[in-house]
């Protein structure tokens, strides 16, 4: 089955005229950043006693990497059920670090589980990610009974 997974993209690439290295998922610039503009980042974090959340991430698309992640979320109540959600999320990957800022809302406040939604933007990058510009929409679910938060950022990258 592995041979089929490798040969099929190469065969399609030859038929439509795409260089085989590109079809196989290799990039000419770097393994960490491809020419694709779309990026999806998923993360799974555990809340820490200091208010941060730490865990892992996986990124695919324009950024292809995985590693550890640390978030510093801040919730400020707007009313009894909704709050603003701001902070930063730093991804420590094998191709460098990416620090995203995020801003949005979270609801319902005080519930055992809550939703977060908003916008995130890359604020800083190191190594292969230096100078990278990206923005994304994010959605999170926080489970306060399990002390975890998971989410996805879906966006675009420009170099």
Foldseek 3Di string as FASTA:
>chain_A
DVVCVLVVLQVVCVVVVHPSCVSNQHAPPDSFFHPFWKKKKKWKWFADPVQKTKDKMAMDTRGGWIDIKIWRWDWDDPDQAKTKIWTWMWGQTPQWIWIKIWIFMKGGPPDQKIKTWTKIWTDAIDHVCGPKTKMWIKMKMAGNVRRMMIMMTIITIDD
